């Protein structure tokens, strides 16, 4: 089973998920650390849970990145119409059941983010 960890203890993922919904899009950036020799198994389970998520109301897009070389890192970036749509999908029993399929010692570091405009560099 996968263990959820917080990158920012001052703003835990589950607390972010329960936060007030302002109706704006939200992006989940979820970095996985696969156990030694288990990257392909993590990829397979991620595919399964993503097939559940992509048909849920409010899902916009997802992209998965893999670390270069022998890295055990996978990073998912998924965009949702609203915080509520993501929360409802995350709490689905069908999705929660897939979390038990990840190899033991798999780690997940999810965080919710929104675009930030930086003049001269990027737009929100």
PDB file of N, CA and C in Angstrom:
ATOM      1  N   UNK A   1       0.851  -1.182   0.000  1.00  0.00           N
ATOM      2  CA  UNK A   1       0.000   0.000   0.000  1.00  0.00           C
ATOM      3  C   UNK A   1       0.893   1.240   0.000  1.00  0.00           C
ATOM      4  N   UNK A   2       0.411   2.264  -0.632  1.00  0.00           N
ATOM      5  CA  UNK A   2       1.168   3.521  -0.713  1.00  0.00           C
ATOM      6  C   UNK A   2       0.938   4.354   0.549  1.00  0.00           C
ATOM      7  N   UNK A   3       1.958   5.051   0.985  1.00  0.00           N
ATOM      8  CA  UNK A   3       1.853   5.952   2.137  1.00  0.00           C
ATOM      9  C   UNK A   3       1.883   7.388   1.644  1.00  0.00           C
ATOM     10  N   UNK A   4       0.906   8.195   2.095  1.00  0.00           N
ATOM     11  CA  UNK A   4       0.879   9.619   1.757  1.00  0.00           C
ATOM     12  C   UNK A   4       1.772  10.373   2.727  1.00  0.00           C
ATOM     13  N   UNK A   5       2.648  11.197   2.190  1.00  0.00           N
ATOM     14  CA  UNK A   5       3.556  12.022   2.987  1.00  0.00           C
ATOM     15  C   UNK A   5       3.345  13.478   2.590  1.00  0.00           C
ATOM     16  N   UNK A   6       3.670  14.386   3.481  1.00  0.00           N
ATOM     17  CA  UNK A   6       3.513  15.814   3.207  1.00  0.00           C
ATOM     18  C   UNK A   6       4.856  16.475   2.972  1.00  0.00           C
ATOM     19  N   UNK A   7       4.994  17.147   1.837  1.00  0.00           N
ATOM     20  CA  UNK A   7       6.189  17.940   1.562  1.00  0.00           C
ATOM     21  C   UNK A   7       6.240  19.164   2.454  1.00  0.00           C
ATOM     22  N   UNK A   8       5.064  19.728   2.740  1.00  0.00           N
ATOM     23  CA  UNK A   8       4.964  20.953   3.534  1.00  0.00           C
ATOM     24  C   UNK A   8       4.102  20.670   4.754  1.00  0.00           C
ATOM     25  N   UNK A   9       4.727  20.369   5.893  1.00  0.00           N
ATOM     26  CA  UNK A   9       3.957  20.046   7.093  1.00  0.00           C
ATOM     27  C   UNK A   9       3.019  21.171   7.542  1.00  0.00           C
ATOM     28  N   UNK A  10       3.292  22.411   7.128  1.00  0.00           N
ATOM     29  CA  UNK A  10       2.414  23.518   7.510  1.00  0.00           C
ATOM     30  C   UNK A  10       1.124  23.540   6.692  1.00  0.00           C
ATOM     31  N   UNK A  11       1.097  22.746   5.611  1.00  0.00           N
ATOM     32  CA  UNK A  11      -0.090  22.682   4.759  1.00  0.00           C
ATOM     33  C   UNK A  11      -0.265  21.250   4.247  1.00  0.00           C
ATOM     34  N   UNK A  12      -0.669  20.332   5.122  1.00  0.00           N
ATOM     35  CA  UNK A  12      -0.805  18.927   4.725  1.00  0.00           C
ATOM     36  C   UNK A  12      -1.817  18.742   3.593  1.00  0.00           C
ATOM     37  N   UNK A  13      -1.568  17.767   2.743  1.00  0.00           N
ATOM     38  CA  UNK A  13      -2.422  17.506   1.601  1.00  0.00           C
ATOM     39  C   UNK A  13      -3.883  17.305   2.008  1.00  0.00           C
ATOM     40  N   UNK A  14      -4.139  16.464   2.999  1.00  0.00           N
ATOM     41  CA  UNK A  14      -5.528  16.193   3.374  1.00  0.00           C
ATOM     42  C   UNK A  14      -6.222  17.443   3.904  1.00  0.00           C
ATOM     43  N   UNK A  15      -5.486  18.327   4.561  1.00  0.00           N
ATOM     44  CA  UNK A  15      -6.064  19.604   5.001  1.00  0.00           C
ATOM     45  C   UNK A  15      -6.338  20.496   3.796  1.00  0.00           C
ATOM     46  N   UNK A  16      -5.427  20.515   2.829  1.00  0.00           N
ATOM     47  CA  UNK A  16      -5.647  21.289   1.605  1.00  0.00           C
ATOM     48  C   UNK A  16      -6.906  20.801   0.893  1.00  0.00           C
ATOM     49  N   UNK A  17      -7.081  19.500   0.849  1.00  0.00           N
ATOM     50  CA  UNK A  17      -8.224  18.907   0.165  1.00  0.00           C
ATOM     51  C   UNK A  17      -9.544  19.310   0.811  1.00  0.00           C
ATOM     52  N   UNK A  18      -9.528  19.559   2.106  1.00  0.00           N
ATOM     53  CA  UNK A  18     -10.740  19.932   2.840  1.00  0.00           C
ATOM     54  C   UNK A  18     -10.982  21.437   2.840  1.00  0.00           C
ATOM     55  N   UNK A  19     -10.028  22.194   2.309  1.00  0.00           N
ATOM     56  CA  UNK A  19     -10.121  23.655   2.340  1.00  0.00           C
ATOM     57  C   UNK A  19     -11.334  24.187   1.606  1.00  0.00           C
ATOM     58  N   UNK A  20     -11.622  25.462   1.780  1.00  0.00           N
ATOM     59  CA  UNK A  20     -12.764  26.052   1.077  1.00  0.00           C
ATOM     60  C   UNK A  20     -12.515  26.069  -0.434  1.00  0.00           C
ATOM     61  N   UNK A  21     -13.582  25.848  -1.190  1.00  0.00           N
ATOM     62  CA  UNK A  21     -13.496  25.820  -2.644  1.00  0.00           C
ATOM     63  C   UNK A  21     -13.933  27.166  -3.194  1.00  0.00           C
ATOM     64  N   UNK A  22     -13.031  27.847  -3.894  1.00  0.00           N
ATOM     65  CA  UNK A  22     -13.364  29.149  -4.477  1.00  0.00           C
ATOM     66  C   UNK A  22     -13.821  29.017  -5.933  1.00  0.00           C
ATOM     67  N   UNK A  23     -14.004  27.776  -6.395  1.00  0.00           N
ATOM     68  CA  UNK A  23     -14.490  27.547  -7.748  1.00  0.00           C
ATOM     69  C   UNK A  23     -13.439  27.659  -8.830  1.00  0.00           C
ATOM     70  N   UNK A  24     -12.196  27.883  -8.452  1.00  0.00           N
ATOM     71  CA  UNK A  24     -11.103  28.022  -9.422  1.00  0.00           C
ATOM     72  C   UNK A  24     -10.433  26.669  -9.668  1.00  0.00           C
ATOM     73  N   UNK A  25      -9.814  26.505 -10.836  1.00  0.00           N
ATOM     74  CA  UNK A  25      -9.080  25.261 -11.100  1.00  0.00           C
ATOM     75  C   UNK A  25      -7.970  25.038 -10.075  1.00  0.00           C
ATOM     76  N   UNK A  26      -7.669  23.784  -9.848  1.00  0.00           N
ATOM     77  CA  UNK A  26      -6.608  23.405  -8.923  1.00  0.00           C
ATOM     78  C   UNK A  26      -5.779  22.311  -9.579  1.00  0.00           C
ATOM     79  N   UNK A  27      -4.482  22.334  -9.302  1.00  0.00           N
ATOM     80  CA  UNK A  27      -3.559  21.338  -9.844  1.00  0.00           C
ATOM     81  C   UNK A  27      -2.984  20.529  -8.693  1.00  0.00           C
ATOM     82  N   UNK A  28      -3.011  19.226  -8.854  1.00  0.00           N
ATOM     83  CA  UNK A  28      -2.341  18.357  -7.888  1.00  0.00           C
ATOM     84  C   UNK A  28      -1.014  17.925  -8.515  1.00  0.00           C
ATOM     85  N   UNK A  29       0.051  18.151  -7.771  1.00  0.00           N
ATOM     86  CA  UNK A  29       1.377  17.685  -8.167  1.00  0.00           C
ATOM     87  C   UNK A  29       1.729  16.592  -7.167  1.00  0.00           C
ATOM     88  N   UNK A  30       1.828  15.378  -7.653  1.00  0.00           N
ATOM     89  CA  UNK A  30       2.035  14.233  -6.778  1.00  0.00           C
ATOM     90  C   UNK A  30       3.304  13.509  -7.206  1.00  0.00           C
ATOM     91  N   UNK A  31       4.306  13.551  -6.342  1.00  0.00           N
ATOM     92  CA  UNK A  31       5.574  12.887  -6.620  1.00  0.00           C
ATOM     93  C   UNK A  31       5.599  11.560  -5.876  1.00  0.00           C
ATOM     94  N   UNK A  32       5.856  10.501  -6.629  1.00  0.00           N
ATOM     95  CA  UNK A  32       5.908   9.152  -6.089  1.00  0.00           C
ATOM     96  C   UNK A  32       7.360   8.699  -5.988  1.00  0.00           C
ATOM     97  N   UNK A  33       7.649   7.952  -4.946  1.00  0.00           N
ATOM     98  CA  UNK A  33       8.930   7.276  -4.828  1.00  0.00           C
ATOM     99  C   UNK A  33       8.625   5.782  -4.829  1.00  0.00           C
ATOM    100  N   UNK A  34       8.984   5.112  -5.912  1.00  0.00           N
ATOM    101  CA  UNK A  34       8.728   3.681  -6.042  1.00  0.00           C
ATOM    102  C   UNK A  34       9.817   2.894  -5.318  1.00  0.00           C
ATOM    103  N   UNK A  35       9.427   1.792  -4.681  1.00  0.00           N
ATOM    104  CA  UNK A  35      10.451   0.945  -4.059  1.00  0.00           C
ATOM    105  C   UNK A  35      11.398   0.369  -5.113  1.00  0.00           C
ATOM    106  N   UNK A  36      12.577   0.009  -4.689  1.00  0.00           N
ATOM    107  CA  UNK A  36      13.582  -0.599  -5.562  1.00  0.00           C
ATOM    108  C   UNK A  36      12.969  -1.732  -6.377  1.00  0.00           C
ATOM    109  N   UNK A  37      13.138  -1.666  -7.705  1.00  0.00           N
ATOM    110  CA  UNK A  37      12.653  -2.716  -8.580  1.00  0.00           C
ATOM    111  C   UNK A  37      11.148  -2.723  -8.823  1.00  0.00           C
ATOM    112  N   UNK A  38      10.440  -1.679  -8.361  1.00  0.00           N
ATOM    113  CA  UNK A  38       8.980  -1.671  -8.447  1.00  0.00           C
ATOM    114  C   UNK A  38       8.401  -0.529  -9.286  1.00  0.00           C
ATOM    115  N   UNK A  39       9.235   0.159 -10.059  1.00  0.00           N
ATOM    116  CA  UNK A  39       8.745   1.291 -10.847  1.00  0.00           C
ATOM    117  C   UNK A  39       7.646   0.853 -11.815  1.00  0.00           C
ATOM    118  N   UNK A  40       7.826  -0.273 -12.484  1.00  0.00           N
ATOM    119  CA  UNK A  40       6.816  -0.736 -13.449  1.00  0.00           C
ATOM    120  C   UNK A  40       5.500  -1.070 -12.749  1.00  0.00           C
ATOM    121  N   UNK A  41       5.557  -1.648 -11.568  1.00  0.00           N
ATOM    122  CA  UNK A  41       4.337  -1.953 -10.813  1.00  0.00           C
ATOM    123  C   UNK A  41       3.635  -0.650 -10.407  1.00  0.00           C
ATOM    124  N   UNK A  42       4.390   0.345  -9.965  1.00  0.00           N
ATOM    125  CA  UNK A  42       3.801   1.636  -9.614  1.00  0.00           C
ATOM    126  C   UNK A  42       3.151   2.260 -10.842  1.00  0.00           C
ATOM    127  N   UNK A  43       3.823   2.194 -11.983  1.00  0.00           N
ATOM    128  CA  UNK A  43       3.240   2.712 -13.226  1.00  0.00           C
ATOM    129  C   UNK A  43       1.921   2.011 -13.565  1.00  0.00           C
ATOM    130  N   UNK A  44       1.871   0.700 -13.379  1.00  0.00           N
ATOM    131  CA  UNK A  44       0.656  -0.057 -13.674  1.00  0.00           C
ATOM    132  C   UNK A  44      -0.492   0.363 -12.757  1.00  0.00           C
ATOM    133  N   UNK A  45      -0.227   0.496 -11.475  1.00  0.00           N
ATOM    134  CA  UNK A  45      -1.288   0.891 -10.543  1.00  0.00           C
ATOM    135  C   UNK A  45      -1.692   2.342 -10.791  1.00  0.00           C
ATOM    136  N   UNK A  46      -0.719   3.206 -11.087  1.00  0.00           N
ATOM    137  CA  UNK A  46      -1.060   4.600 -11.402  1.00  0.00           C
ATOM    138  C   UNK A  46      -1.988   4.649 -12.609  1.00  0.00           C
ATOM    139  N   UNK A  47      -1.728   3.824 -13.617  1.00  0.00           N
ATOM    140  CA  UNK A  47      -2.608   3.765 -14.785  1.00  0.00           C
ATOM    141  C   UNK A  47      -4.023   3.373 -14.360  1.00  0.00           C
ATOM    142  N   UNK A  48      -4.126   2.393 -13.478  1.00  0.00           N
ATOM    143  CA  UNK A  48      -5.443   1.955 -13.009  1.00  0.00           C
ATOM    144  C   UNK A  48      -6.176   3.081 -12.267  1.00  0.00           C
ATOM    145  N   UNK A  49      -5.482   3.734 -11.337  1.00  0.00           N
ATOM    146  CA  UNK A  49      -6.189   4.784 -10.582  1.00  0.00           C
ATOM    147  C   UNK A  49      -6.469   5.999 -11.456  1.00  0.00           C
ATOM    148  N   UNK A  50      -5.615   6.243 -12.453  1.00  0.00           N
ATOM    149  CA  UNK A  50      -5.853   7.371 -13.362  1.00  0.00           C
ATOM    150  C   UNK A  50      -7.047   7.124 -14.275  1.00  0.00           C
ATOM    151  N   UNK A  51      -7.283   5.873 -14.648  1.00  0.00           N
ATOM    152  CA  UNK A  51      -8.454   5.546 -15.463  1.00  0.00           C
ATOM    153  C   UNK A  51      -9.741   5.845 -14.686  1.00  0.00           C
ATOM    154  N   UNK A  52      -9.709   5.680 -13.388  1.00  0.00           N
ATOM    155  CA  UNK A  52     -10.861   6.024 -12.542  1.00  0.00           C
ATOM    156  C   UNK A  52     -11.015   7.538 -12.489  1.00  0.00           C
ATOM    157  N   UNK A  53      -9.916   8.231 -12.246  1.00  0.00           N
ATOM    158  CA  UNK A  53      -9.976   9.685 -12.078  1.00  0.00           C
ATOM    159  C   UNK A  53     -10.387  10.406 -13.356  1.00  0.00           C
ATOM    160  N   UNK A  54      -9.896   9.976 -14.501  1.00  0.00           N
ATOM    161  CA  UNK A  54     -10.120  10.732 -15.732  1.00  0.00           C
ATOM    162  C   UNK A  54     -11.570  10.752 -16.185  1.00  0.00           C
ATOM    163  N   UNK A  55     -12.414   9.882 -15.656  1.00  0.00           N
ATOM    164  CA  UNK A  55     -13.831   9.892 -16.032  1.00  0.00           C
ATOM    165  C   UNK A  55     -14.696  10.606 -14.989  1.00  0.00           C
ATOM    166  N   UNK A  56     -14.055  11.171 -13.963  1.00  0.00           N
ATOM    167  CA  UNK A  56     -14.814  11.857 -12.914  1.00  0.00           C
ATOM    168  C   UNK A  56     -15.137  13.283 -13.339  1.00  0.00           C
ATOM    169  N   UNK A  57     -16.279  13.792 -12.878  1.00  0.00           N
ATOM    170  CA  UNK A  57     -16.637  15.177 -13.183  1.00  0.00           C
ATOM    171  C   UNK A  57     -15.558  16.143 -12.691  1.00  0.00           C
ATOM    172  N   UNK A  58     -15.178  17.077 -13.537  1.00  0.00           N
ATOM    173  CA  UNK A  58     -14.202  18.094 -13.166  1.00  0.00           C
ATOM    174  C   UNK A  58     -12.773  17.787 -13.556  1.00  0.00           C
ATOM    175  N   UNK A  59     -12.497  16.557 -13.993  1.00  0.00           N
ATOM    176  CA  UNK A  59     -11.150  16.219 -14.436  1.00  0.00           C
ATOM    177  C   UNK A  59     -10.847  16.964 -15.735  1.00  0.00           C
ATOM    178  N   UNK A  60      -9.679  17.597 -15.801  1.00  0.00           N
ATOM    179  CA  UNK A  60      -9.270  18.302 -17.020  1.00  0.00           C
ATOM    180  C   UNK A  60      -8.140  17.565 -17.730  1.00  0.00           C
ATOM    181  N   UNK A  61      -7.057  17.293 -17.016  1.00  0.00           N
ATOM    182  CA  UNK A  61      -5.916  16.653 -17.684  1.00  0.00           C
ATOM    183  C   UNK A  61      -4.969  16.052 -16.656  1.00  0.00           C
ATOM    184  N   UNK A  62      -4.107  15.151 -17.164  1.00  0.00           N
ATOM    185  CA  UNK A  62      -3.050  14.574 -16.329  1.00  0.00           C
ATOM    186  C   UNK A  62      -1.831  14.330 -17.199  1.00  0.00           C
ATOM    187  N   UNK A  63      -0.676  14.436 -16.578  1.00  0.00           N
ATOM    188  CA  UNK A  63       0.583  14.128 -17.242  1.00  0.00           C
ATOM    189  C   UNK A  63       1.484  13.474 -16.221  1.00  0.00           C
ATOM    190  N   UNK A  64       2.194  12.430 -16.629  1.00  0.00           N
ATOM    191  CA  UNK A  64       3.106  11.732 -15.737  1.00  0.00           C
ATOM    192  C   UNK A  64       4.531  11.917 -16.239  1.00  0.00           C
ATOM    193  N   UNK A  65       5.436  12.190 -15.323  1.00  0.00           N
ATOM    194  CA  UNK A  65       6.855  12.365 -15.625  1.00  0.00           C
ATOM    195  C   UNK A  65       7.646  11.321 -14.851  1.00  0.00           C
ATOM    196  N   UNK A  66       8.731  10.860 -15.456  1.00  0.00           N
ATOM    197  CA  UNK A  66       9.595   9.887 -14.794  1.00  0.00           C
ATOM    198  C   UNK A  66      11.007  10.443 -14.730  1.00  0.00           C
ATOM    199  N   UNK A  67      11.648  10.229 -13.590  1.00  0.00           N
ATOM    200  CA  UNK A  67      13.027  10.662 -13.430  1.00  0.00           C
ATOM    201  C   UNK A  67      13.933   9.974 -14.444  1.00  0.00           C
ATOM    202  N   UNK A  68      14.978  10.661 -14.814  1.00  0.00           N
ATOM    203  CA  UNK A  68      15.923  10.168 -15.815  1.00  0.00           C
ATOM    204  C   UNK A  68      16.876   9.148 -15.183  1.00  0.00           C
ATOM    205  N   UNK A  69      17.344   8.233 -16.003  1.00  0.00           N
ATOM    206  CA  UNK A  69      18.310   7.235 -15.553  1.00  0.00           C
ATOM    207  C   UNK A  69      17.649   6.183 -14.677  1.00  0.00           C
ATOM    208  N   UNK A  70      18.283   5.858 -13.583  1.00  0.00           N
ATOM    209  CA  UNK A  70      17.781   4.821 -12.676  1.00  0.00           C
ATOM    210  C   UNK A  70      16.861   5.375 -11.592  1.00  0.00           C
ATOM    211  N   UNK A  71      16.343   6.565 -11.805  1.00  0.00           N
ATOM    212  CA  UNK A  71      15.493   7.204 -10.806  1.00  0.00           C
ATOM    213  C   UNK A  71      14.244   6.374 -10.525  1.00  0.00           C
ATOM    214  N   UNK A  72      13.815   6.413  -9.286  1.00  0.00           N
ATOM    215  CA  UNK A  72      12.580   5.747  -8.849  1.00  0.00           C
ATOM    216  C   UNK A  72      11.464   6.771  -8.677  1.00  0.00           C
ATOM    217  N   UNK A  73      11.681   7.964  -9.202  1.00  0.00           N
ATOM    218  CA  UNK A  73      10.725   9.070  -9.031  1.00  0.00           C
ATOM    219  C   UNK A  73       9.774   9.142 -10.220  1.00  0.00           C
ATOM    220  N   UNK A  74       8.485   9.290  -9.896  1.00  0.00           N
ATOM    221  CA  UNK A  74       7.438   9.567 -10.874  1.00  0.00           C
ATOM    222  C   UNK A  74       6.671  10.770 -10.355  1.00  0.00           C
ATOM    223  N   UNK A  75       6.342  11.711 -11.237  1.00  0.00           N
ATOM    224  CA  UNK A  75       5.576  12.880 -10.815  1.00  0.00           C
ATOM    225  C   UNK A  75       4.364  13.044 -11.717  1.00  0.00           C
ATOM    226  N   UNK A  76       3.206  13.067 -11.087  1.00  0.00           N
ATOM    227  CA  UNK A  76       1.940  13.259 -11.776  1.00  0.00           C
ATOM    228  C   UNK A  76       1.511  14.711 -11.580  1.00  0.00           C
ATOM    229  N   UNK A  77       1.093  15.350 -12.671  1.00  0.00           N
ATOM    230  CA  UNK A  77       0.543  16.700 -12.617  1.00  0.00           C
ATOM    231  C   UNK A  77      -0.854  16.609 -13.227  1.00  0.00           C
ATOM    232  N   UNK A  78      -1.885  16.825 -12.400  1.00  0.00           N
ATOM    233  CA  UNK A  78      -3.263  16.706 -12.877  1.00  0.00           C
ATOM    234  C   UNK A  78      -4.030  17.979 -12.547  1.00  0.00           C
ATOM    235  N   UNK A  79      -4.823  18.429 -13.504  1.00  0.00           N
ATOM    236  CA  UNK A  79      -5.593  19.658 -13.351  1.00  0.00           C
ATOM    237  C   UNK A  79      -7.072  19.298 -13.215  1.00  0.00           C
ATOM    238  N   UNK A  80      -7.724  19.967 -12.254  1.00  0.00           N
ATOM    239  CA  UNK A  80      -9.143  19.749 -11.971  1.00  0.00           C
ATOM    240  C   UNK A  80      -9.867  21.086 -12.029  1.00  0.00           C
ATOM    241  N   UNK A  81     -11.140  21.045 -12.424  1.00  0.00           N
ATOM    242  CA  UNK A  81     -11.936  22.271 -12.530  1.00  0.00           C
ATOM    243  C   UNK A  81     -12.070  22.991 -11.196  1.00  0.00           C
ATOM    244  N   UNK A  82     -12.230  22.220 -10.112  1.00  0.00           N
ATOM    245  CA  UNK A  82     -12.396  22.816  -8.788  1.00  0.00           C
ATOM    246  C   UNK A  82     -11.810  21.887  -7.729  1.00  0.00           C
ATOM    247  N   UNK A  83     -11.593  22.434  -6.559  1.00  0.00           N
ATOM    248  CA  UNK A  83     -11.147  21.641  -5.427  1.00  0.00           C
ATOM    249  C   UNK A  83     -12.184  20.578  -5.074  1.00  0.00           C
ATOM    250  N   UNK A  84     -13.447  20.942  -5.118  1.00  0.00           N
ATOM    251  CA  UNK A  84     -14.513  19.996  -4.786  1.00  0.00           C
ATOM    252  C   UNK A  84     -14.522  18.806  -5.744  1.00  0.00           C
ATOM    253  N   UNK A  85     -14.316  19.053  -7.032  1.00  0.00           N
ATOM    254  CA  UNK A  85     -14.304  17.940  -7.982  1.00  0.00           C
ATOM    255  C   UNK A  85     -13.142  16.985  -7.696  1.00  0.00           C
ATOM    256  N   UNK A  86     -11.980  17.516  -7.368  1.00  0.00           N
ATOM    257  CA  UNK A  86     -10.845  16.669  -7.004  1.00  0.00           C
ATOM    258  C   UNK A  86     -11.143  15.901  -5.721  1.00  0.00           C
ATOM    259  N   UNK A  87     -11.648  16.595  -4.713  1.00  0.00           N
ATOM    260  CA  UNK A  87     -11.945  15.943  -3.427  1.00  0.00           C
ATOM    261  C   UNK A  87     -12.939  14.801  -3.617  1.00  0.00           C
ATOM    262  N   UNK A  88     -14.004  15.042  -4.369  1.00  0.00           N
ATOM    263  CA  UNK A  88     -15.006  13.998  -4.585  1.00  0.00           C
ATOM    264  C   UNK A  88     -14.401  12.782  -5.276  1.00  0.00           C
ATOM    265  N   UNK A  89     -13.536  13.014  -6.254  1.00  0.00           N
ATOM    266  CA  UNK A  89     -12.890  11.906  -6.960  1.00  0.00           C
ATOM    267  C   UNK A  89     -11.926  11.167  -6.033  1.00  0.00           C
ATOM    268  N   UNK A  90     -11.159  11.904  -5.249  1.00  0.00           N
ATOM    269  CA  UNK A  90     -10.180  11.304  -4.343  1.00  0.00           C
ATOM    270  C   UNK A  90     -10.863  10.423  -3.299  1.00  0.00           C
ATOM    271  N   UNK A  91     -12.034  10.831  -2.848  1.00  0.00           N
ATOM    272  CA  UNK A  91     -12.736  10.092  -1.797  1.00  0.00           C
ATOM    273  C   UNK A  91     -13.548   8.905  -2.307  1.00  0.00           C
ATOM    274  N   UNK A  92     -13.653   8.744  -3.614  1.00  0.00           N
ATOM    275  CA  UNK A  92     -14.378   7.602  -4.161  1.00  0.00           C
ATOM    276  C   UNK A  92     -13.796   6.291  -3.639  1.00  0.00           C
ATOM    277  N   UNK A  93     -14.666   5.397  -3.229  1.00  0.00           N
ATOM    278  CA  UNK A  93     -14.209   4.101  -2.722  1.00  0.00           C
ATOM    279  C   UNK A  93     -13.392   3.350  -3.772  1.00  0.00           C
ATOM    280  N   UNK A  94     -13.827   3.417  -5.016  1.00  0.00           N
ATOM    281  CA  UNK A  94     -13.121   2.736  -6.100  1.00  0.00           C
ATOM    282  C   UNK A  94     -11.677   3.247  -6.219  1.00  0.00           C
ATOM    283  N   UNK A  95     -11.485   4.566  -6.112  1.00  0.00           N
ATOM    284  CA  UNK A  95     -10.135   5.125  -6.163  1.00  0.00           C
ATOM    285  C   UNK A  95      -9.346   4.730  -4.916  1.00  0.00           C
ATOM    286  N   UNK A  96      -9.947   4.877  -3.746  1.00  0.00           N
ATOM    287  CA  UNK A  96      -9.258   4.533  -2.497  1.00  0.00           C
ATOM    288  C   UNK A  96      -8.786   3.085  -2.501  1.00  0.00           C
ATOM    289  N   UNK A  97      -9.580   2.195  -3.088  1.00  0.00           N
ATOM    290  CA  UNK A  97      -9.190   0.784  -3.160  1.00  0.00           C
ATOM    291  C   UNK A  97      -7.925   0.581  -3.983  1.00  0.00           C
ATOM    292  N   UNK A  98      -7.703   1.411  -5.000  1.00  0.00           N
ATOM    293  CA  UNK A  98      -6.490   1.247  -5.810  1.00  0.00           C
ATOM    294  C   UNK A  98      -5.237   1.597  -5.012  1.00  0.00           C
ATOM    295  N   UNK A  99      -5.376   2.438  -4.002  1.00  0.00           N
ATOM    296  CA  UNK A  99      -4.199   2.812  -3.209  1.00  0.00           C
ATOM    297  C   UNK A  99      -3.588   1.610  -2.505  1.00  0.00           C
ATOM    298  N   UNK A 100      -4.397   0.598  -2.230  1.00  0.00           N
ATOM    299  CA  UNK A 100      -3.897  -0.616  -1.566  1.00  0.00           C
ATOM    300  C   UNK A 100      -3.119  -1.510  -2.531  1.00  0.00           C
ATOM    301  N   UNK A 101      -3.215  -1.240  -3.837  1.00  0.00           N
ATOM    302  CA  UNK A 101      -2.545  -2.068  -4.837  1.00  0.00           C
ATOM    303  C   UNK A 101      -1.087  -1.674  -5.061  1.00  0.00           C
ATOM    304  N   UNK A 102      -0.714  -0.474  -4.617  1.00  0.00           N
ATOM    305  CA  UNK A 102       0.674  -0.045  -4.792  1.00  0.00           C
ATOM    306  C   UNK A 102       1.594  -0.944  -3.976  1.00  0.00           C
ATOM    307  N   UNK A 103       2.801  -1.201  -4.466  1.00  0.00           N
ATOM    308  CA  UNK A 103       3.745  -2.020  -3.704  1.00  0.00           C
ATOM    309  C   UNK A 103       4.012  -1.401  -2.322  1.00  0.00           C
ATOM    310  N   UNK A 104       4.167  -2.268  -1.334  1.00  0.00           N
ATOM    311  CA  UNK A 104       4.537  -1.785  -0.002  1.00  0.00           C
ATOM    312  C   UNK A 104       5.794  -0.936  -0.106  1.00  0.00           C
ATOM    313  N   UNK A 105       5.878   0.060   0.726  1.00  0.00           N
ATOM    314  CA  UNK A 105       6.988   1.021   0.777  1.00  0.00           C
ATOM    315  C   UNK A 105       6.911   2.068  -0.322  1.00  0.00           C
ATOM    316  N   UNK A 106       5.846   2.070  -1.139  1.00  0.00           N
ATOM    317  CA  UNK A 106       5.646   3.162  -2.099  1.00  0.00           C
ATOM    318  C   UNK A 106       5.288   4.415  -1.315  1.00  0.00           C
ATOM    319  N   UNK A 107       5.829   5.550  -1.739  1.00  0.00           N
ATOM    320  CA  UNK A 107       5.552   6.819  -1.074  1.00  0.00           C
ATOM    321  C   UNK A 107       4.952   7.798  -2.067  1.00  0.00           C
ATOM    322  N   UNK A 108       4.051   8.629  -1.577  1.00  0.00           N
ATOM    323  CA  UNK A 108       3.389   9.642  -2.384  1.00  0.00           C
ATOM    324  C   UNK A 108       3.466  10.967  -1.650  1.00  0.00           C
ATOM    325  N   UNK A 109       3.861  12.013  -2.367  1.00  0.00           N
ATOM    326  CA  UNK A 109       4.004  13.356  -1.806  1.00  0.00           C
ATOM    327  C   UNK A 109       3.108  14.327  -2.579  1.00  0.00           C
ATOM    328  N   UNK A 110       1.782  14.277  -2.331  1.00  0.00           N
ATOM    329  CA  UNK A 110       0.875  15.159  -3.079  1.00  0.00           C
ATOM    330  C   UNK A 110       0.796  16.559  -2.472  1.00  0.00           C
ATOM    331  N   UNK A 111       0.615  17.532  -3.334  1.00  0.00           N
ATOM    332  CA  UNK A 111       0.400  18.919  -2.895  1.00  0.00           C
ATOM    333  C   UNK A 111      -0.518  19.587  -3.922  1.00  0.00           C
ATOM    334  N   UNK A 112      -1.388  20.454  -3.439  1.00  0.00           N
ATOM    335  CA  UNK A 112      -2.273  21.202  -4.326  1.00  0.00           C
ATOM    336  C   UNK A 112      -1.676  22.566  -4.570  1.00  0.00           C
ATOM    337  N   UNK A 113      -1.681  22.984  -5.834  1.00  0.00           N
ATOM    338  CA  UNK A 113      -1.070  24.256  -6.216  1.00  0.00           C
ATOM    339  C   UNK A 113      -1.956  24.981  -7.222  1.00  0.00           C
ATOM    340  N   UNK A 114      -1.661  26.273  -7.379  1.00  0.00           N
ATOM    341  CA  UNK A 114      -2.284  27.089  -8.415  1.00  0.00           C
ATOM    342  C   UNK A 114      -1.179  27.902  -9.083  1.00  0.00           C
ATOM    343  N   UNK A 115      -1.411  28.275 -10.336  1.00  0.00           N
ATOM    344  CA  UNK A 115      -0.444  29.087 -11.078  1.00  0.00           C
ATOM    345  C   UNK A 115      -0.239  30.432 -10.394  1.00  0.00           C
ATOM    346  N   UNK A 116       0.966  30.934 -10.512  1.00  0.00           N
ATOM    347  CA  UNK A 116       1.329  32.231  -9.972  1.00  0.00           C
ATOM    348  C   UNK A 116       1.940  33.043 -11.111  1.00  0.00           C
ATOM    349  N   UNK A 117       1.503  34.271 -11.253  1.00  0.00           N
ATOM    350  CA  UNK A 117       2.073  35.161 -12.266  1.00  0.00           C
ATOM    351  C   UNK A 117       3.356  35.798 -11.696  1.00  0.00           C
ATOM    352  N   UNK A 118       4.403  35.759 -12.494  1.00  0.00           N
ATOM    353  CA  UNK A 118       5.661  36.428 -12.149  1.00  0.00           C
ATOM    354  C   UNK A 118       5.992  37.318 -13.340  1.00  0.00           C
ATOM    355  N   UNK A 119       5.898  38.641 -13.143  1.00  0.00           N
ATOM    356  CA  UNK A 119       6.115  39.566 -14.263  1.00  0.00           C
ATOM    357  C   UNK A 119       7.414  39.269 -15.013  1.00  0.00           C
ATOM    358  N   UNK A 120       7.311  39.232 -16.324  1.00  0.00           N
ATOM    359  CA  UNK A 120       8.467  38.996 -17.167  1.00  0.00           C
ATOM    360  C   UNK A 120       8.887  37.545 -17.294  1.00  0.00           C
ATOM    361  N   UNK A 121       8.206  36.664 -16.552  1.00  0.00           N
ATOM    362  CA  UNK A 121       8.601  35.254 -16.588  1.00  0.00           C
ATOM    363  C   UNK A 121       7.425  34.363 -16.988  1.00  0.00           C
ATOM    364  N   UNK A 122       6.301  34.468 -16.276  1.00  0.00           N
ATOM    365  CA  UNK A 122       5.177  33.587 -16.554  1.00  0.00           C
ATOM    366  C   UNK A 122       3.854  34.249 -16.157  1.00  0.00           C
ATOM    367  N   UNK A 123       2.781  33.760 -16.753  1.00  0.00           N
ATOM    368  CA  UNK A 123       1.447  34.289 -16.459  1.00  0.00           C
ATOM    369  C   UNK A 123       0.665  33.273 -15.645  1.00  0.00           C
ATOM    370  N   UNK A 124      -0.323  33.738 -14.933  1.00  0.00           N
ATOM    371  CA  UNK A 124      -1.157  32.829 -14.143  1.00  0.00           C
ATOM    372  C   UNK A 124      -2.229  32.227 -15.000  1.00  0.00           C
TER     373      UNK A 124
END
